[in-house]
Protein backbone atom coordinates (compact mmCIF):
# COMPACT_ATOMS: atom_id res chain seq x y z
CA MET A 1 -19.33 13.82 -11.35
CA SER A 2 -16.07 11.88 -11.24
CA GLN A 3 -15.29 8.91 -13.42
CA THR A 4 -15.97 5.49 -11.90
CA LYS A 5 -12.80 3.65 -10.89
CA GLN A 6 -12.10 0.20 -9.58
CA TRP A 7 -10.84 -0.09 -6.01
CA LEU A 8 -9.26 -3.18 -4.46
CA THR A 9 -10.14 -3.82 -0.83
CA ILE A 10 -7.09 -4.83 1.19
CA GLN A 11 -6.71 -5.78 4.82
CA ILE A 12 -3.86 -4.35 6.88
CA GLY A 13 -4.05 -5.69 10.41
CA GLU A 14 -7.67 -5.11 11.44
CA VAL A 15 -8.08 -2.15 9.06
CA TRP A 16 -9.71 -2.44 5.65
CA CYS A 17 -8.39 -0.09 2.97
CA LEU A 18 -9.23 0.83 -0.60
CA HIS A 19 -6.55 1.09 -3.24
CA GLU A 20 -7.10 2.10 -6.86
CA THR A 21 -6.49 -0.91 -9.12
CA SER A 22 -5.11 0.95 -12.15
CA VAL A 23 -1.70 1.44 -10.47
CA ILE A 24 -1.32 -2.17 -9.33
CA ARG A 25 0.98 -4.33 -11.42
CA GLU A 26 0.27 -7.75 -9.90
CA ILE A 27 -0.78 -9.55 -6.69
CA LEU A 28 1.54 -12.30 -5.45
CA ASP A 29 1.44 -14.87 -2.69
CA PHE A 30 3.67 -13.80 0.20
CA ILE A 31 7.40 -14.47 -0.20
CA ALA A 32 9.74 -13.95 2.76
CA PRO A 33 12.18 -11.11 2.02
CA VAL A 34 15.89 -10.82 2.71
CA GLY A 35 16.57 -8.03 5.21
CA VAL A 36 18.48 -4.90 4.19
CA ALA A 37 20.70 -3.18 6.76
CA GLY A 38 20.00 0.54 7.12
CA ALA A 39 16.64 0.42 5.32
CA PRO A 40 13.75 2.52 6.62
CA GLU A 41 11.69 0.72 9.28
CA PHE A 42 8.79 0.19 6.87
CA VAL A 43 10.99 -1.76 4.41
CA SER A 44 10.82 -5.46 5.25
CA GLY A 45 13.60 -6.32 2.81
CA ILE A 46 14.08 -7.29 -0.80
CA ILE A 47 12.91 -10.17 -2.97
CA ASN A 48 14.39 -11.52 -6.19
CA TYR A 49 11.31 -11.31 -8.37
CA ARG A 50 11.54 -12.45 -12.00
CA SER A 51 15.22 -11.44 -12.14
CA GLU A 52 14.42 -8.01 -10.69
CA ILE A 53 14.92 -6.74 -7.16
CA LEU A 54 11.60 -5.91 -5.50
CA THR A 55 11.66 -3.71 -2.37
CA LEU A 56 9.04 -5.02 0.07
CA ILE A 57 7.17 -2.47 2.15
CA ASP A 58 5.27 -3.53 5.27
CA ALA A 59 1.83 -1.91 5.15
CA SER A 60 1.33 -2.38 8.91
CA SER A 61 4.48 -0.40 9.61
CA ILE A 62 3.60 2.59 7.41
CA LEU A 63 0.15 2.81 8.99
CA HIS A 64 1.71 2.46 12.48
CA LEU A 65 -0.25 -0.70 13.24
CA ASN A 66 0.92 -3.65 15.30
CA TYR A 67 2.99 -6.33 13.58
CA THR A 68 0.94 -9.26 12.35
CA ASN A 69 2.26 -12.80 12.17
CA PRO A 70 2.47 -14.24 8.65
CA THR A 71 -0.60 -16.16 7.49
CA HIS A 72 -1.56 -17.90 4.27
CA ASP A 73 -3.80 -14.89 3.48
CA GLN A 74 -0.89 -12.44 3.24
CA LYS A 75 -0.18 -11.12 -0.24
CA ILE A 76 2.23 -8.79 -1.96
CA ILE A 77 0.77 -6.09 -4.18
CA THR A 78 3.37 -4.98 -6.73
CA TYR A 79 3.95 -1.59 -8.36
CA GLU A 80 6.41 -0.10 -10.81
CA ILE A 81 7.42 3.32 -9.49
CA ASN A 82 10.32 5.59 -10.52
CA HIS A 83 11.85 2.75 -12.57
CA GLY A 84 11.84 0.41 -9.56
CA ILE A 85 9.69 -2.52 -8.50
CA TYR A 86 8.02 -2.27 -5.11
CA GLY A 87 5.76 -4.60 -3.21
CA LEU A 88 3.31 -3.94 -0.40
CA LYS A 89 2.82 -6.72 2.16
CA VAL A 90 -0.84 -6.87 3.15
CA ASP A 91 -2.74 -9.24 5.42
CA GLY A 92 -5.48 -9.99 2.94
CA VAL A 93 -7.06 -9.03 -0.36
CA GLY A 94 -10.80 -8.70 -0.71
CA GLU A 95 -13.08 -7.74 -3.54
CA ILE A 96 -12.96 -5.08 -6.22
CA LEU A 97 -15.47 -2.26 -5.82
CA ASN A 98 -16.60 0.23 -8.44
CA ALA A 99 -16.89 3.78 -7.11
CA THR A 100 -16.16 7.36 -8.04
CA GLU A 101 -13.32 9.13 -6.27
CA ASP A 102 -15.65 11.87 -5.07
CA ILE A 103 -17.26 9.51 -2.51
CA ILE A 104 -13.98 9.54 -0.56
CA GLU A 105 -14.05 11.99 2.30
CA GLN A 106 -10.72 13.71 1.74
CA SER A 107 -8.46 14.00 4.75
CA GLU A 108 -5.80 16.54 5.44
CA SER A 109 -2.43 14.89 5.76
CA PRO A 110 -1.68 14.46 9.46
CA LEU A 111 1.69 15.68 10.71
CA ASP A 112 3.00 12.11 10.81
CA ASP A 113 2.05 11.47 7.15
CA PRO A 114 4.40 13.76 5.18
CA TYR A 115 4.37 11.32 2.27
CA ARG A 116 0.58 11.51 1.61
CA LEU A 117 -0.24 7.85 2.11
CA ILE A 118 -3.81 8.37 3.30
CA ILE A 119 -6.23 9.91 0.81
CA GLY A 120 -9.26 9.81 3.08
CA SER A 121 -12.02 7.51 4.21
CA VAL A 122 -15.25 6.21 2.80
CA GLU A 123 -18.24 4.24 4.02
CA ILE A 124 -19.50 1.59 1.63
CA ASN A 125 -22.37 -0.74 2.55
CA GLY A 126 -21.95 0.13 6.23
CA GLN A 127 -18.21 -0.58 6.31
CA ILE A 128 -15.55 2.12 6.75
CA PHE A 129 -12.50 1.95 4.49
CA CYS A 130 -9.29 3.97 4.62
CA ALA A 131 -8.33 5.04 1.07
CA ILE A 132 -4.56 4.85 0.51
CA ASP A 133 -2.17 5.68 -2.32
CA ILE A 134 1.04 3.62 -2.20
CA PRO A 135 2.66 4.92 -5.42
CA THR A 136 2.36 8.53 -4.17
CA PHE A 137 3.73 7.47 -0.77
CA ILE A 138 6.78 5.81 -2.36
CA HIS A 139 7.35 8.64 -4.85
CA ASN A 140 7.17 11.28 -2.10
CA TYR A 141 9.43 9.26 0.21
CA LEU A 142 12.04 8.86 -2.53
CA THR A 143 11.81 12.55 -3.47
CA ILE A 144 12.18 13.76 0.13
CA HIS A 145 15.10 11.39 0.83
CA LYS A 146 16.81 11.76 -2.54
CA SER A 147 19.96 13.31 -1.05
CA ASP A 148 20.27 10.77 1.81
């Protein structure tokens, strides 16, 4: 049996996702970013965060969901990946659940997910969650586009 981990429930549009808490650096209130010309469509911009530049990723965009208007519930989940600081804009943050990774029904990466964002899905207390892995997504994106 797998080791129990903590999973943060996050809302992206109308979809609820699970994200392992051990890779999360911090959760911030939403801060409007400054746009960056030529950035991938899922990059909302950059933020000056504690004298560091944080690249803000729009979770709705990477999951191909409709744009959501900013609300007071939006948060930024921060990560340190490949010596950079990244943030994920989400529409809401819920509770922390304790569960083993083996309850997640693994999914094969669809053709439009070459970066391995989606781990799988899981039903907990009658609710379906999409399990995602942002650090792997960012690492794979940077690796694939290293020479760009």
